C-alpha cells in the first residue's frame, strides 16, 4: 500500500514526488502514480496540484490542503458532504489578505502605496487581489499588484518597487512567491519597507510580521484523514475541515533595522514577539 504526497513548492519537503514550481512534468507524475495504484494522493501544498489530481483520477482518494474556498475552486460540491474521491482542509490564507493590509495601515498611517506580490497562475490569485484591493479603497491606500510567475518576472516586479514609491509589502498565499521569500525579504530590508506576510517561512527567515495560519492544524487534519481513508472510510463521507486558528508574530529586531515603531495596539495582539 503506497501513499503519494505531492508538493508544488521548494519551501516544503515531498515524501514521494517533488514538483518544483509550475512543473510541466506534473501530468506525467500523476499518470505514473495512478498506474502504480497508490492508495491515497495527498496534496497539502498546492491548489494547482489538488485540481490536477482531481482531473487525473475519479477513483483514487485525494486529500488536499488549500487556501480559499474549495467549492468555488471546483474541488468539491459541498464542504459538509464532498462526495466523490476528494476531501481535505482549507485555510484562511486567501481571506486574510485584507487583515494584513489593515495591519500595514496601522504601522504606516500615512503610507500611500502597498505592493502585493502575486502569481496570476494561482487559482486563488484573482480573488485574493480583489479582496485586498477592496480593503485598500476603504483604507485610502493604493494597491500595486506585482504579478510574477518566474524569477525573471520577479526581477521586473522589484524594479516596479523602486519606481512606485512603495511604503509596504504583502505577499499572496502562493507556493512560488513563498519560495522566493529570501529575495523579497532582502528587498524589503534594503529599501526599509515593512511587510506583513502570509506564511511562517517569511517570518522565520527574517520578515517583519506574519499573520495567518501556521499550517499545523491543517496538516494534522490531512494526516488524520489519510489514516481514516487507509482504514476504509470514504473521502466523500469526510467533511472538508475549515481552519479557524490565526496567529500574529512580530520581530522587533527587524522593526529596528527598518526604522519602524510597532504600535502598542498591534503588539498586544501578537502571539509571538521576537525582541
Protein backbone atom coordinates (compact mmCIF):
# COMPACT_ATOMS: atom_id res chain seq x y z
CA UNK A 1 0.00 0.00 0.00
CA UNK A 2 1.56 3.28 -1.15
CA UNK A 3 0.81 6.85 -0.11
CA UNK A 4 1.83 9.63 -2.51
CA UNK A 5 2.37 13.12 -1.14
CA UNK A 6 2.80 15.90 -3.68
CA UNK A 7 4.01 19.43 -3.05
CA UNK A 8 4.25 22.30 -5.53
CA UNK A 9 6.88 24.34 -3.68
CA UNK A 10 10.58 24.24 -2.99
CA UNK A 11 9.95 25.51 0.54
CA UNK A 12 8.35 22.19 1.56
CA UNK A 13 9.57 18.62 1.62
CA UNK A 14 7.89 15.98 -0.51
CA UNK A 15 7.79 12.35 0.61
CA UNK A 16 7.14 10.63 -2.71
CA UNK A 17 7.23 13.16 -5.52
CA UNK A 18 8.78 16.57 -5.97
CA UNK A 19 7.12 19.07 -8.27
CA UNK A 20 9.05 22.34 -8.20
CA UNK A 21 7.31 25.48 -9.39
CA UNK A 22 4.86 25.25 -12.31
CA UNK A 23 6.33 21.95 -13.44
CA UNK A 24 5.23 20.62 -16.83
CA UNK A 25 6.04 17.10 -15.62
CA UNK A 26 3.08 17.08 -13.22
CA UNK A 27 0.64 15.25 -15.59
CA UNK A 28 3.22 12.52 -16.22
CA UNK A 29 3.93 12.18 -12.49
CA UNK A 30 0.23 11.82 -11.76
CA UNK A 31 -0.19 9.23 -14.53
CA UNK A 32 2.71 7.24 -13.07
CA UNK A 33 1.21 7.31 -9.59
CA UNK A 34 -2.21 6.28 -10.89
CA UNK A 35 -0.65 3.38 -12.81
CA UNK A 36 1.03 2.30 -9.57
CA UNK A 37 -2.42 2.26 -7.95
CA UNK A 38 -1.36 4.29 -4.95
CA UNK A 39 -3.79 4.12 -2.03
CA UNK A 40 -4.10 7.88 -1.45
CA UNK A 41 -2.92 11.06 -3.17
CA UNK A 42 -2.20 13.82 -0.63
CA UNK A 43 -1.78 17.36 -1.97
CA UNK A 44 -1.21 19.55 1.10
CA UNK A 45 0.92 22.19 -0.59
CA UNK A 46 -0.90 23.45 -3.67
CA UNK A 47 -4.32 24.21 -5.13
CA UNK A 48 -2.86 23.58 -8.59
CA UNK A 49 -1.84 20.03 -7.73
CA UNK A 50 -5.15 19.31 -6.00
CA UNK A 51 -7.05 20.36 -9.12
CA UNK A 52 -4.69 18.39 -11.38
CA UNK A 53 -5.06 15.30 -9.20
CA UNK A 54 -8.85 15.54 -9.29
CA UNK A 55 -8.76 15.86 -13.08
CA UNK A 56 -6.47 12.83 -13.32
CA UNK A 57 -8.48 10.34 -11.24
CA UNK A 58 -12.02 9.84 -10.00
CA UNK A 59 -11.23 6.68 -8.05
CA UNK A 60 -8.04 7.18 -6.00
CA UNK A 61 -8.78 9.11 -2.77
CA UNK A 62 -7.35 12.65 -2.71
CA UNK A 63 -6.75 14.65 0.47
CA UNK A 64 -5.97 18.33 -0.10
CA UNK A 65 -4.93 21.39 1.90
CA UNK A 66 -5.77 24.63 0.12
CA UNK A 67 -6.26 28.31 0.89
CA UNK A 68 -9.65 29.67 -0.05
CA UNK A 69 -12.99 28.12 -0.94
CA UNK A 70 -12.66 24.56 -2.33
CA UNK A 71 -16.27 24.69 -3.56
CA UNK A 72 -15.59 27.79 -5.66
CA UNK A 73 -12.40 26.15 -6.93
CA UNK A 74 -14.35 23.13 -8.14
CA UNK A 75 -12.61 20.65 -5.84
CA UNK A 76 -15.79 19.58 -4.03
CA UNK A 77 -19.51 20.35 -4.48
CA UNK A 78 -20.07 20.79 -0.73
CA UNK A 79 -17.95 21.24 2.41
CA UNK A 80 -20.18 19.05 4.58
CA UNK A 81 -20.68 16.28 2.02
CA UNK A 82 -17.87 16.46 -0.52
CA UNK A 83 -18.82 13.19 -2.19
CA UNK A 84 -16.64 11.54 -4.79
CA UNK A 85 -12.98 10.82 -4.07
CA UNK A 86 -11.84 14.22 -2.76
CA UNK A 87 -11.75 15.83 0.69
CA UNK A 88 -9.33 17.79 2.86
CA UNK A 89 -8.90 21.04 4.72
CA UNK A 90 -8.96 24.71 3.84
CA UNK A 91 -7.04 27.56 5.45
CA UNK A 92 -7.90 31.23 5.79
CA UNK A 93 -4.90 32.19 3.66
CA UNK A 94 -6.77 33.99 0.88
CA UNK A 95 -9.38 35.66 3.05
CA UNK A 96 -6.81 37.17 5.43
CA UNK A 97 -5.21 39.45 2.86
CA UNK A 98 -7.42 42.38 3.86
CA UNK A 99 -6.47 41.88 7.52
CA UNK A 100 -2.78 42.00 6.63
CA UNK A 101 -3.36 45.26 4.78
CA UNK A 102 -5.10 46.68 7.84
CA UNK A 103 -2.07 45.77 9.95
CA UNK A 104 0.18 47.56 7.49
CA UNK A 105 -2.08 50.59 7.70
CA UNK A 106 -1.68 50.62 11.47
CA UNK A 107 2.10 50.58 11.01
CA UNK A 108 2.02 53.20 8.26
CA UNK A 109 -0.95 55.52 8.80
CA UNK A 110 0.34 57.87 6.08
CA UNK A 111 1.56 55.19 3.66
CA UNK A 112 0.08 55.72 0.21
CA UNK A 113 1.09 52.64 -1.81
CA UNK A 114 1.26 48.97 -0.80
CA UNK A 115 2.63 46.28 -3.13
CA UNK A 116 1.21 42.77 -3.36
CA UNK A 117 3.46 40.04 -4.79
CA UNK A 118 1.13 37.64 -6.62
CA UNK A 119 1.27 34.69 -9.02
CA UNK A 120 -1.54 35.01 -11.62
CA UNK A 121 -1.33 31.27 -12.36
CA UNK A 122 -2.58 30.51 -8.87
CA UNK A 123 -6.27 29.62 -8.83
CA UNK A 124 -6.81 31.98 -5.89
CA UNK A 125 -4.83 34.94 -7.22
CA UNK A 126 -7.66 36.99 -8.71
CA UNK A 127 -9.99 36.53 -5.72
CA UNK A 128 -7.23 37.38 -3.25
CA UNK A 129 -6.17 40.52 -5.13
CA UNK A 130 -9.79 41.64 -5.47
CA UNK A 131 -10.43 41.31 -1.75
CA UNK A 132 -7.27 43.20 -0.82
CA UNK A 133 -8.00 45.90 -3.38
CA UNK A 134 -11.49 46.41 -1.94
CA UNK A 135 -9.96 46.85 1.53
CA UNK A 136 -7.36 49.23 0.10
CA UNK A 137 -10.07 51.50 -1.29
CA UNK A 138 -11.75 51.66 2.10
CA UNK A 139 -8.45 52.43 3.83
CA UNK A 140 -7.41 55.02 1.26
CA UNK A 141 -4.42 53.01 0.10
CA UNK A 142 -3.27 52.39 -3.47
CA UNK A 143 -2.67 48.68 -4.11
CA UNK A 144 0.05 47.83 -6.61
CA UNK A 145 -0.27 44.18 -7.74
CA UNK A 146 3.09 42.81 -8.85
CA UNK A 147 2.49 39.64 -10.87
CA UNK A 148 5.31 37.12 -11.18
CA UNK A 149 5.36 33.53 -12.38
CA UNK A 150 9.14 33.18 -12.76
CA UNK A 151 12.37 34.60 -11.27
CA UNK A 152 12.79 36.94 -14.25
CA UNK A 153 9.30 38.37 -13.79
CA UNK A 154 10.08 38.79 -10.11
CA UNK A 155 13.07 40.94 -11.12
CA UNK A 156 10.70 43.18 -13.09
CA UNK A 157 8.45 43.41 -10.04
CA UNK A 158 11.40 44.54 -7.95
CA UNK A 159 12.07 47.31 -10.45
CA UNK A 160 8.46 48.50 -10.05
CA UNK A 161 9.01 48.71 -6.29
CA UNK A 162 11.78 51.24 -6.87
CA UNK A 163 9.71 53.26 -9.33
CA UNK A 164 6.39 53.42 -7.47
CA UNK A 165 7.42 54.73 -4.03
CA UNK A 166 6.03 51.67 -2.27
CA UNK A 167 5.64 52.02 1.51
CA UNK A 168 4.61 48.46 2.48
CA UNK A 169 4.65 44.87 1.20
CA UNK A 170 2.18 41.98 1.15
CA UNK A 171 2.57 38.54 -0.42
CA UNK A 172 -0.05 36.26 -1.90
CA UNK A 173 -0.58 32.83 -0.39
CA UNK A 174 1.24 31.17 -3.30
CA UNK A 175 3.99 28.49 -3.32
CA UNK A 176 6.14 30.23 -5.95
CA UNK A 177 6.01 33.58 -4.15
CA UNK A 178 6.73 31.93 -0.79
CA UNK A 179 9.66 30.02 -2.28
CA UNK A 180 11.24 33.35 -3.29
CA UNK A 181 10.90 34.83 0.19
CA UNK A 182 14.64 35.34 0.68
CA UNK A 183 14.79 37.78 -2.22
CA UNK A 184 11.61 39.55 -1.16
CA UNK A 185 12.83 39.96 2.43
CA UNK A 186 16.22 41.18 1.18
CA UNK A 187 14.46 43.78 -0.95
CA UNK A 188 12.33 44.90 1.98
CA UNK A 189 15.40 45.23 4.20
CA UNK A 190 17.43 47.10 1.59
CA UNK A 191 14.67 49.62 0.96
CA UNK A 192 13.43 49.72 4.59
CA UNK A 193 9.91 48.64 3.56
CA UNK A 194 7.84 46.83 6.22
CA UNK A 195 6.00 43.69 5.18
CA UNK A 196 3.15 41.67 6.66
CA UNK A 197 3.49 38.17 5.23
CA UNK A 198 1.11 35.26 4.74
CA UNK A 199 3.36 32.30 5.55
CA UNK A 200 5.50 31.38 8.60
CA UNK A 201 8.67 30.85 6.48
CA UNK A 202 8.75 34.59 5.74
CA UNK A 203 8.86 35.33 9.46
CA UNK A 204 11.31 32.52 10.20
CA UNK A 205 13.69 33.89 7.56
CA UNK A 206 13.72 37.49 8.75
CA UNK A 207 10.40 39.04 7.74
CA UNK A 208 8.91 41.75 9.95
CA UNK A 209 5.46 40.27 10.60
CA UNK A 210 3.45 37.13 9.91
CA UNK A 211 -0.33 36.97 10.15
CA UNK A 212 -2.18 33.80 9.22
CA UNK A 213 -2.36 30.09 9.86
CA UNK A 214 0.79 28.24 10.87
CA UNK A 215 -0.47 25.24 8.92
CA UNK A 216 0.00 22.75 11.76
CA UNK A 217 -3.73 22.34 12.36
CA UNK A 218 -4.42 21.69 8.68
CA UNK A 219 -1.51 19.28 8.22
CA UNK A 220 -2.72 17.32 11.23
CA UNK A 221 -6.16 17.08 9.64
CA UNK A 222 -4.64 15.89 6.36
CA UNK A 223 -2.73 13.17 8.21
CA UNK A 224 -5.81 12.16 10.21
CA UNK A 225 -7.94 11.91 7.07
CA UNK A 226 -5.28 9.83 5.31
CA UNK A 227 -5.30 7.39 8.24
CA UNK A 228 -9.08 7.14 8.25
CA UNK A 229 -9.17 6.51 4.49
CA UNK A 230 -6.50 3.82 4.74
CA UNK A 231 -8.68 2.15 7.37
CA UNK A 232 -11.61 2.02 4.97
CA UNK A 233 -13.57 5.26 5.23
CA UNK A 234 -14.63 7.00 2.02
CA UNK A 235 -13.23 10.50 1.33
CA UNK A 236 -16.63 11.67 0.12
CA UNK A 237 -18.05 10.99 3.59
CA UNK A 238 -15.40 13.10 5.37
CA UNK A 239 -16.38 16.80 5.55
CA UNK A 240 -13.87 19.41 4.45
CA UNK A 241 -12.41 20.96 7.60
CA UNK A 242 -12.02 24.74 7.83
CA UNK A 243 -9.12 26.11 9.85
CA UNK A 244 -10.03 28.90 12.27
CA UNK A 245 -6.75 29.44 14.14
CA UNK A 246 -4.87 32.61 13.19
CA UNK A 247 -1.52 33.79 14.60
CA UNK A 248 0.28 37.14 14.64
CA UNK A 249 4.07 37.19 15.01
CA UNK A 250 6.27 40.29 15.16
CA UNK A 251 10.07 40.64 15.01
CA UNK A 252 11.11 43.80 16.86
CA UNK A 253 14.73 43.31 15.82
CA UNK A 254 13.67 43.60 12.19
CA UNK A 255 11.47 46.59 13.04
CA UNK A 256 14.52 48.36 14.45
CA UNK A 257 16.53 47.65 11.30
CA UNK A 258 13.69 49.01 9.16
CA UNK A 259 13.27 52.05 11.38
CA UNK A 260 9.67 51.08 12.21
CA UNK A 261 7.94 51.54 15.55
CA UNK A 262 5.28 48.90 16.17
CA UNK A 263 2.20 50.48 17.80
CA UNK A 264 1.32 49.14 21.23
CA UNK A 265 -2.17 48.30 19.96
CA UNK A 266 -0.59 45.89 17.48
CA UNK A 267 1.98 44.44 19.90
CA UNK A 268 -0.62 43.44 22.47
CA UNK A 269 -2.42 41.35 19.85
CA UNK A 270 0.71 39.35 18.94
CA UNK A 271 1.02 35.65 19.74
CA UNK A 272 4.79 35.80 19.35
CA UNK A 273 7.22 38.70 19.66
CA UNK A 274 10.95 38.49 18.99
CA UNK A 275 12.75 41.22 20.93
